[in-house]
Amino acid sequence: PNRPGMHMKLIKFLLKLKAPRIVYVSCNPATCARDLDYLCHGVGDQNIKGCYKLKSLQPVDMFPHTPHIECVCLLELS
């Protein structure tokens, strides 16, 4: 997703789709953490249940000498 992360409509769609695996690539660690939390644990105030488990997370420094990193995450259906 772009810097603001995934829109709630996309999160709902992915949770309904229940793909066996999701590879999530993000350039913003804060929105990455938020979106992973939604996919794994759900969104309590909207009565949405999460159904994924974070299996792997790898930071990648594609822009040396800058504060920017990419995060590549593997989620599997639990």
PDB file of N, CA and C in Angstrom:
ATOM      1  N   PRO A   1       0.823  -1.211   0.000  1.00  0.00           N
ATOM      2  CA  PRO A   1       0.000   0.000   0.000  1.00  0.00           C
ATOM      3  C   PRO A   1       0.862   1.268   0.000  1.00  0.00           C
ATOM      4  N   ASN A   2       0.240   2.390  -0.243  1.00  0.00           N
ATOM      5  CA  ASN A   2       0.964   3.663  -0.191  1.00  0.00           C
ATOM      6  C   ASN A   2       1.200   4.072   1.264  1.00  0.00           C
ATOM      7  N   ARG A   3       1.846   5.207   1.487  1.00  0.00           N
ATOM      8  CA  ARG A   3       2.244   5.629   2.842  1.00  0.00           C
ATOM      9  C   ARG A   3       1.125   5.623   3.883  1.00  0.00           C
ATOM     10  N   PRO A   4      -0.105   6.056   3.546  1.00  0.00           N
ATOM     11  CA  PRO A   4      -1.167   6.024   4.563  1.00  0.00           C
ATOM     12  C   PRO A   4      -1.645   4.618   4.929  1.00  0.00           C
ATOM     13  N   GLY A   5      -1.155   3.594   4.253  1.00  0.00           N
ATOM     14  CA  GLY A   5      -1.565   2.228   4.564  1.00  0.00           C
ATOM     15  C   GLY A   5      -2.831   1.838   3.833  1.00  0.00           C
ATOM     16  N   MET A   6      -3.382   0.696   4.240  1.00  0.00           N
ATOM     17  CA  MET A   6      -4.564   0.162   3.562  1.00  0.00           C
ATOM     18  C   MET A   6      -5.831   0.843   4.056  1.00  0.00           C
ATOM     19  N   HIS A   7      -6.752   1.052   3.133  1.00  0.00           N
ATOM     20  CA  HIS A   7      -8.067   1.580   3.467  1.00  0.00           C
ATOM     21  C   HIS A   7      -8.862   0.470   4.159  1.00  0.00           C
ATOM     22  N   MET A   8      -9.752   0.835   5.046  1.00  0.00           N
ATOM     23  CA  MET A   8     -10.535  -0.154   5.793  1.00  0.00           C
ATOM     24  C   MET A   8     -11.346  -1.051   4.851  1.00  0.00           C
ATOM     25  N   LYS A   9     -11.776  -0.538   3.695  1.00  0.00           N
ATOM     26  CA  LYS A   9     -12.511  -1.366   2.731  1.00  0.00           C
ATOM     27  C   LYS A   9     -11.639  -2.517   2.240  1.00  0.00           C
ATOM     28  N   LEU A  10     -10.355  -2.247   2.013  1.00  0.00           N
ATOM     29  CA  LEU A  10      -9.443  -3.295   1.555  1.00  0.00           C
ATOM     30  C   LEU A  10      -9.193  -4.311   2.663  1.00  0.00           C
ATOM     31  N   ILE A  11      -9.043  -3.851   3.884  1.00  0.00           N
ATOM     32  CA  ILE A  11      -8.842  -4.766   5.014  1.00  0.00           C
ATOM     33  C   ILE A  11     -10.052  -5.699   5.151  1.00  0.00           C
ATOM     34  N   LYS A  12     -11.254  -5.142   5.076  1.00  0.00           N
ATOM     35  CA  LYS A  12     -12.477  -5.962   5.151  1.00  0.00           C
ATOM     36  C   LYS A  12     -12.517  -6.966   4.002  1.00  0.00           C
ATOM     37  N   PHE A  13     -12.151  -6.517   2.798  1.00  0.00           N
ATOM     38  CA  PHE A  13     -12.144  -7.404   1.639  1.00  0.00           C
ATOM     39  C   PHE A  13     -11.169  -8.561   1.834  1.00  0.00           C
ATOM     40  N   LEU A  14      -9.955  -8.261   2.297  1.00  0.00           N
ATOM     41  CA  LEU A  14      -8.947  -9.307   2.494  1.00  0.00           C
ATOM     42  C   LEU A  14      -9.378 -10.300   3.576  1.00  0.00           C
ATOM     43  N   LEU A  15      -9.978  -9.803   4.646  1.00  0.00           N
ATOM     44  CA  LEU A  15     -10.437 -10.694   5.705  1.00  0.00           C
ATOM     45  C   LEU A  15     -11.590 -11.579   5.230  1.00  0.00           C
ATOM     46  N   LYS A  16     -12.413 -11.058   4.331  1.00  0.00           N
ATOM     47  CA  LYS A  16     -13.510 -11.848   3.772  1.00  0.00           C
ATOM     48  C   LYS A  16     -12.987 -12.844   2.734  1.00  0.00           C
ATOM     49  N   LEU A  17     -11.988 -12.455   1.957  1.00  0.00           N
ATOM     50  CA  LEU A  17     -11.411 -13.292   0.916  1.00  0.00           C
ATOM     51  C   LEU A  17     -10.718 -14.528   1.492  1.00  0.00           C
ATOM     52  N   LYS A  18     -10.028 -14.357   2.606  1.00  0.00           N
ATOM     53  CA  LYS A  18      -9.313 -15.437   3.300  1.00  0.00           C
ATOM     54  C   LYS A  18      -8.325 -16.167   2.389  1.00  0.00           C
ATOM     55  N   ALA A  19      -7.486 -15.388   1.719  1.00  0.00           N
ATOM     56  CA  ALA A  19      -6.412 -15.971   0.904  1.00  0.00           C
ATOM     57  C   ALA A  19      -5.469 -16.734   1.832  1.00  0.00           C
ATOM     58  N   PRO A  20      -4.893 -17.845   1.383  1.00  0.00           N
ATOM     59  CA  PRO A  20      -4.005 -18.622   2.258  1.00  0.00           C
ATOM     60  C   PRO A  20      -2.775 -17.840   2.731  1.00  0.00           C
ATOM     61  N   ARG A  21      -2.263 -16.956   1.871  1.00  0.00           N
ATOM     62  CA  ARG A  21      -1.091 -16.151   2.222  1.00  0.00           C
ATOM     63  C   ARG A  21      -1.238 -14.744   1.672  1.00  0.00           C
ATOM     64  N   ILE A  22      -0.697 -13.789   2.398  1.00  0.00           N
ATOM     65  CA  ILE A  22      -0.611 -12.401   1.938  1.00  0.00           C
ATOM     66  C   ILE A  22       0.830 -11.961   2.122  1.00  0.00           C
ATOM     67  N   VAL A  23       1.404 -11.380   1.087  1.00  0.00           N
ATOM     68  CA  VAL A  23       2.714 -10.739   1.198  1.00  0.00           C
ATOM     69  C   VAL A  23       2.447  -9.237   1.192  1.00  0.00           C
ATOM     70  N   TYR A  24       2.798  -8.591   2.283  1.00  0.00           N
ATOM     71  CA  TYR A  24       2.525  -7.170   2.491  1.00  0.00           C
ATOM     72  C   TYR A  24       3.856  -6.438   2.426  1.00  0.00           C
ATOM     73  N   VAL A  25       3.972  -5.482   1.519  1.00  0.00           N
ATOM     74  CA  VAL A  25       5.196  -4.691   1.383  1.00  0.00           C
ATOM     75  C   VAL A  25       4.840  -3.249   1.696  1.00  0.00           C
ATOM     76  N   SER A  26       5.563  -2.651   2.629  1.00  0.00           N
ATOM     77  CA  SER A  26       5.232  -1.310   3.084  1.00  0.00           C
ATOM     78  C   SER A  26       6.466  -0.435   3.195  1.00  0.00           C
ATOM     79  N   CYS A  27       6.278   0.855   2.927  1.00  0.00           N
ATOM     80  CA  CYS A  27       7.367   1.817   3.086  1.00  0.00           C
ATOM     81  C   CYS A  27       7.167   2.661   4.346  1.00  0.00           C
ATOM     82  N   ASN A  28       6.139   2.343   5.130  1.00  0.00           N
ATOM     83  CA  ASN A  28       5.852   3.090   6.350  1.00  0.00           C
ATOM     84  C   ASN A  28       5.640   2.107   7.499  1.00  0.00           C
ATOM     85  N   PRO A  29       6.632   1.928   8.371  1.00  0.00           N
ATOM     86  CA  PRO A  29       6.515   0.949   9.455  1.00  0.00           C
ATOM     87  C   PRO A  29       5.324   1.187  10.388  1.00  0.00           C
ATOM     88  N   ALA A  30       4.922   2.436  10.590  1.00  0.00           N
ATOM     89  CA  ALA A  30       3.801   2.726  11.493  1.00  0.00           C
ATOM     90  C   ALA A  30       2.483   2.211  10.916  1.00  0.00           C
ATOM     91  N   THR A  31       2.214   2.506   9.643  1.00  0.00           N
ATOM     92  CA  THR A  31       0.966   2.019   9.054  1.00  0.00           C
ATOM     93  C   THR A  31       1.039   0.517   8.798  1.00  0.00           C
ATOM     94  N   CYS A  32       2.213  -0.006   8.568  1.00  0.00           N
ATOM     95  CA  CYS A  32       2.398  -1.448   8.420  1.00  0.00           C
ATOM     96  C   CYS A  32       1.964  -2.143   9.716  1.00  0.00           C
ATOM     97  N   ALA A  33       2.442  -1.659  10.843  1.00  0.00           N
ATOM     98  CA  ALA A  33       2.092  -2.251  12.137  1.00  0.00           C
ATOM     99  C   ALA A  33       0.587  -2.172  12.381  1.00  0.00           C
ATOM    100  N   ARG A  34      -0.019  -1.043  12.061  1.00  0.00           N
ATOM    101  CA  ARG A  34      -1.468  -0.880  12.240  1.00  0.00           C
ATOM    102  C   ARG A  34      -2.245  -1.870  11.378  1.00  0.00           C
ATOM    103  N   ASP A  35      -1.881  -1.956  10.088  1.00  0.00           N
ATOM    104  CA  ASP A  35      -2.594  -2.843   9.171  1.00  0.00           C
ATOM    105  C   ASP A  35      -2.407  -4.312   9.551  1.00  0.00           C
ATOM    106  N   LEU A  36      -1.199  -4.689   9.967  1.00  0.00           N
ATOM    107  CA  LEU A  36      -0.957  -6.068  10.401  1.00  0.00           C
ATOM    108  C   LEU A  36      -1.790  -6.393  11.638  1.00  0.00           C
ATOM    109  N   ASP A  37      -1.912  -5.435  12.533  1.00  0.00           N
ATOM    110  CA  ASP A  37      -2.735  -5.631  13.730  1.00  0.00           C
ATOM    111  C   ASP A  37      -4.192  -5.881  13.331  1.00  0.00           C
ATOM    112  N   TYR A  38      -4.701  -5.102  12.386  1.00  0.00           N
ATOM    113  CA  TYR A  38      -6.075  -5.292  11.916  1.00  0.00           C
ATOM    114  C   TYR A  38      -6.254  -6.674  11.285  1.00  0.00           C
ATOM    115  N   LEU A  39      -5.307  -7.087  10.437  1.00  0.00           N
ATOM    116  CA  LEU A  39      -5.436  -8.369   9.744  1.00  0.00           C
ATOM    117  C   LEU A  39      -5.286  -9.550  10.704  1.00  0.00           C
ATOM    118  N   CYS A  40      -4.461  -9.388  11.731  1.00  0.00           N
ATOM    119  CA  CYS A  40      -4.230 -10.489  12.676  1.00  0.00           C
ATOM    120  C   CYS A  40      -5.222 -10.508  13.839  1.00  0.00           C
ATOM    121  N   HIS A  41      -5.567  -9.348  14.354  1.00  0.00           N
ATOM    122  CA  HIS A  41      -6.397  -9.288  15.556  1.00  0.00           C
ATOM    123  C   HIS A  41      -7.777  -8.692  15.333  1.00  0.00           C
ATOM    124  N   GLY A  42      -7.999  -8.106  14.166  1.00  0.00           N
ATOM    125  CA  GLY A  42      -9.300  -7.528  13.871  1.00  0.00           C
ATOM    126  C   GLY A  42      -9.418  -6.092  14.326  1.00  0.00           C
ATOM    127  N   VAL A  43     -10.622  -5.562  14.186  1.00  0.00           N
ATOM    128  CA  VAL A  43     -10.935  -4.183  14.565  1.00  0.00           C
ATOM    129  C   VAL A  43     -12.124  -4.257  15.516  1.00  0.00           C
ATOM    130  N   GLY A  44     -11.843  -4.122  16.796  1.00  0.00           N
ATOM    131  CA  GLY A  44     -12.861  -4.313  17.826  1.00  0.00           C
ATOM    132  C   GLY A  44     -14.047  -3.384  17.717  1.00  0.00           C
ATOM    133  N   ASP A  45     -13.809  -2.094  17.464  1.00  0.00           N
ATOM    134  CA  ASP A  45     -14.918  -1.135  17.444  1.00  0.00           C
ATOM    135  C   ASP A  45     -15.812  -1.296  16.212  1.00  0.00           C
ATOM    136  N   GLN A  46     -15.361  -2.059  15.215  1.00  0.00           N
ATOM    137  CA  GLN A  46     -16.189  -2.316  14.027  1.00  0.00           C
ATOM    138  C   GLN A  46     -16.647  -3.777  13.953  1.00  0.00           C
ATOM    139  N   ASN A  47     -16.403  -4.520  15.024  1.00  0.00           N
ATOM    140  CA  ASN A  47     -16.805  -5.935  15.117  1.00  0.00           C
ATOM    141  C   ASN A  47     -16.257  -6.764  13.957  1.00  0.00           C
ATOM    142  N   ILE A  48     -14.976  -6.539  13.628  1.00  0.00           N
ATOM    143  CA  ILE A  48     -14.295  -7.275  12.562  1.00  0.00           C
ATOM    144  C   ILE A  48     -13.248  -8.164  13.217  1.00  0.00           C
ATOM    145  N   LYS A  49     -13.277  -9.458  12.889  1.00  0.00           N
ATOM    146  CA  LYS A  49     -12.322 -10.403  13.465  1.00  0.00           C
ATOM    147  C   LYS A  49     -11.167 -10.643  12.510  1.00  0.00           C
ATOM    148  N   GLY A  50      -9.947 -10.656  13.039  1.00  0.00           N
ATOM    149  CA  GLY A  50      -8.776 -10.967  12.238  1.00  0.00           C
ATOM    150  C   GLY A  50      -8.645 -12.464  12.047  1.00  0.00           C
ATOM    151  N   CYS A  51      -7.952 -12.875  10.989  1.00  0.00           N
ATOM    152  CA  CYS A  51      -7.820 -14.309  10.730  1.00  0.00           C
ATOM    153  C   CYS A  51      -6.427 -14.674  10.207  1.00  0.00           C
ATOM    154  N   TYR A  52      -5.460 -13.782  10.360  1.00  0.00           N
ATOM    155  CA  TYR A  52      -4.115 -14.060   9.860  1.00  0.00           C
ATOM    156  C   TYR A  52      -3.105 -14.107  10.992  1.00  0.00           C
ATOM    157  N   LYS A  53      -1.992 -14.756  10.720  1.00  0.00           N
ATOM    158  CA  LYS A  53      -0.886 -14.837  11.659  1.00  0.00           C
ATOM    159  C   LYS A  53       0.364 -14.341  10.931  1.00  0.00           C
ATOM    160  N   LEU A  54       1.109 -13.456  11.575  1.00  0.00           N
ATOM    161  CA  LEU A  54       2.356 -12.939  11.001  1.00  0.00           C
ATOM    162  C   LEU A  54       3.421 -14.018  11.123  1.00  0.00           C
ATOM    163  N   LYS A  55       3.911 -14.496   9.984  1.00  0.00           N
ATOM    164  CA  LYS A  55       4.905 -15.564   9.971  1.00  0.00           C
ATOM    165  C   LYS A  55       6.329 -15.031   9.825  1.00  0.00           C
ATOM    166  N   SER A  56       6.487 -13.924   9.118  1.00  0.00           N
ATOM    167  CA  SER A  56       7.830 -13.414   8.862  1.00  0.00           C
ATOM    168  C   SER A  56       7.759 -11.925   8.560  1.00  0.00           C
ATOM    169  N   LEU A  57       8.773 -11.199   9.007  1.00  0.00           N
ATOM    170  CA  LEU A  57       8.890  -9.779   8.708  1.00  0.00           C
ATOM    171  C   LEU A  57      10.361  -9.487   8.440  1.00  0.00           C
ATOM    172  N   GLN A  58      10.632  -8.848   7.316  1.00  0.00           N
ATOM    173  CA  GLN A  58      12.013  -8.552   6.943  1.00  0.00           C
ATOM    174  C   GLN A  58      12.135  -7.084   6.545  1.00  0.00           C
ATOM    175  N   PRO A  59      12.866  -6.281   7.330  1.00  0.00           N
ATOM    176  CA  PRO A  59      13.136  -4.913   6.883  1.00  0.00           C
ATOM    177  C   PRO A  59      14.171  -4.938   5.755  1.00  0.00           C
ATOM    178  N   VAL A  60      13.998  -4.050   4.790  1.00  0.00           N
ATOM    179  CA  VAL A  60      14.912  -3.973   3.655  1.00  0.00           C
ATOM    180  C   VAL A  60      15.327  -2.521   3.479  1.00  0.00           C
ATOM    181  N   ASP A  61      16.633  -2.274   3.494  1.00  0.00           N
ATOM    182  CA  ASP A  61      17.157  -0.922   3.322  1.00  0.00           C
ATOM    183  C   ASP A  61      17.497  -0.703   1.850  1.00  0.00           C
ATOM    184  N   MET A  62      16.525  -0.179   1.105  1.00  0.00           N
ATOM    185  CA  MET A  62      16.723   0.051  -0.323  1.00  0.00           C
ATOM    186  C   MET A  62      17.296   1.440  -0.600  1.00  0.00           C
ATOM    187  N   PHE A  63      17.310   2.292   0.410  1.00  0.00           N
ATOM    188  CA  PHE A  63      17.766   3.661   0.236  1.00  0.00           C
ATOM    189  C   PHE A  63      18.818   3.986   1.292  1.00  0.00           C
ATOM    190  N   PRO A  64      20.049   3.497   1.100  1.00  0.00           N
ATOM    191  CA  PRO A  64      21.104   3.724   2.087  1.00  0.00           C
ATOM    192  C   PRO A  64      21.309   5.219   2.368  1.00  0.00           C
ATOM    193  N   HIS A  65      21.713   5.494   3.575  1.00  0.00           N
ATOM    194  CA  HIS A  65      22.005   6.862   4.027  1.00  0.00           C
ATOM    195  C   HIS A  65      20.762   7.743   4.105  1.00  0.00           C
ATOM    196  N   THR A  66      19.576   7.111   4.167  1.00  0.00           N
ATOM    197  CA  THR A  66      18.324   7.823   4.422  1.00  0.00           C
ATOM    198  C   THR A  66      17.604   7.079   5.547  1.00  0.00           C
ATOM    199  N   PRO A  67      16.622   7.705   6.173  1.00  0.00           N
ATOM    200  CA  PRO A  67      15.895   7.015   7.254  1.00  0.00           C
ATOM    201  C   PRO A  67      14.804   6.072   6.743  1.00  0.00           C
ATOM    202  N   HIS A  68      14.656   5.910   5.431  1.00  0.00           N
ATOM    203  CA  HIS A  68      13.564   5.119   4.865  1.00  0.00           C
ATOM    204  C   HIS A  68      13.927   3.642   4.750  1.00  0.00           C
ATOM    205  N   ILE A  69      12.977   2.790   5.153  1.00  0.00           N
ATOM    206  CA  ILE A  69      13.141   1.341   4.968  1.00  0.00           C
ATOM    207  C   ILE A  69      11.834   0.776   4.419  1.00  0.00           C
ATOM    208  N   GLU A  70      11.943  -0.359   3.781  1.00  0.00           N
ATOM    209  CA  GLU A  70      10.775  -1.120   3.332  1.00  0.00           C
ATOM    210  C   GLU A  70      10.602  -2.296   4.285  1.00  0.00           C
ATOM    211  N   CYS A  71       9.376  -2.709   4.502  1.00  0.00           N
ATOM    212  CA  CYS A  71       9.090  -3.890   5.310  1.00  0.00           C
ATOM    213  C   CYS A  71       8.361  -4.901   4.435  1.00  0.00           C
ATOM    214  N   VAL A  72       8.866  -6.127   4.399  1.00  0.00           N
ATOM    215  CA  VAL A  72       8.206  -7.202   3.658  1.00  0.00           C
ATOM    216  C   VAL A  72       7.703  -8.199   4.710  1.00  0.00           C
ATOM    217  N   CYS A  73       6.396  -8.431   4.700  1.00  0.00           N
ATOM    218  CA  CYS A  73       5.763  -9.268   5.720  1.00  0.00           C
ATOM    219  C   CYS A  73       5.014 -10.418   5.061  1.00  0.00           C
ATOM    220  N   LEU A  74       5.090 -11.568   5.685  1.00  0.00           N
ATOM    221  CA  LEU A  74       4.333 -12.738   5.231  1.00  0.00           C
ATOM    222  C   LEU A  74       3.270 -13.058   6.272  1.00  0.00           C
ATOM    223  N   LEU A  75       2.026 -13.058   5.835  1.00  0.00           N
ATOM    224  CA  LEU A  75       0.900 -13.416   6.683  1.00  0.00           C
ATOM    225  C   LEU A  75       0.304 -14.712   6.157  1.00  0.00           C
ATOM    226  N   GLU A  76      -0.069 -15.604   7.071  1.00  0.00           N
ATOM    227  CA  GLU A  76      -0.732 -16.845   6.693  1.00  0.00           C
ATOM    228  C   GLU A  76      -2.051 -16.960   7.421  1.00  0.00           C
ATOM    229  N   LEU A  77      -3.013 -17.539   6.750  1.00  0.00           N
ATOM    230  CA  LEU A  77      -4.337 -17.743   7.331  1.00  0.00           C
ATOM    231  C   LEU A  77      -4.201 -18.650   8.555  1.00  0.00           C
ATOM    232  N   SER A  78      -4.814 -18.245   9.662  1.00  0.00           N
ATOM    233  CA  SER A  78      -4.690 -19.068  10.870  1.00  0.00           C
ATOM    234  C   SER A  78      -5.879 -19.975  11.045  1.00  0.00           C
TER     235      SER A  78
END
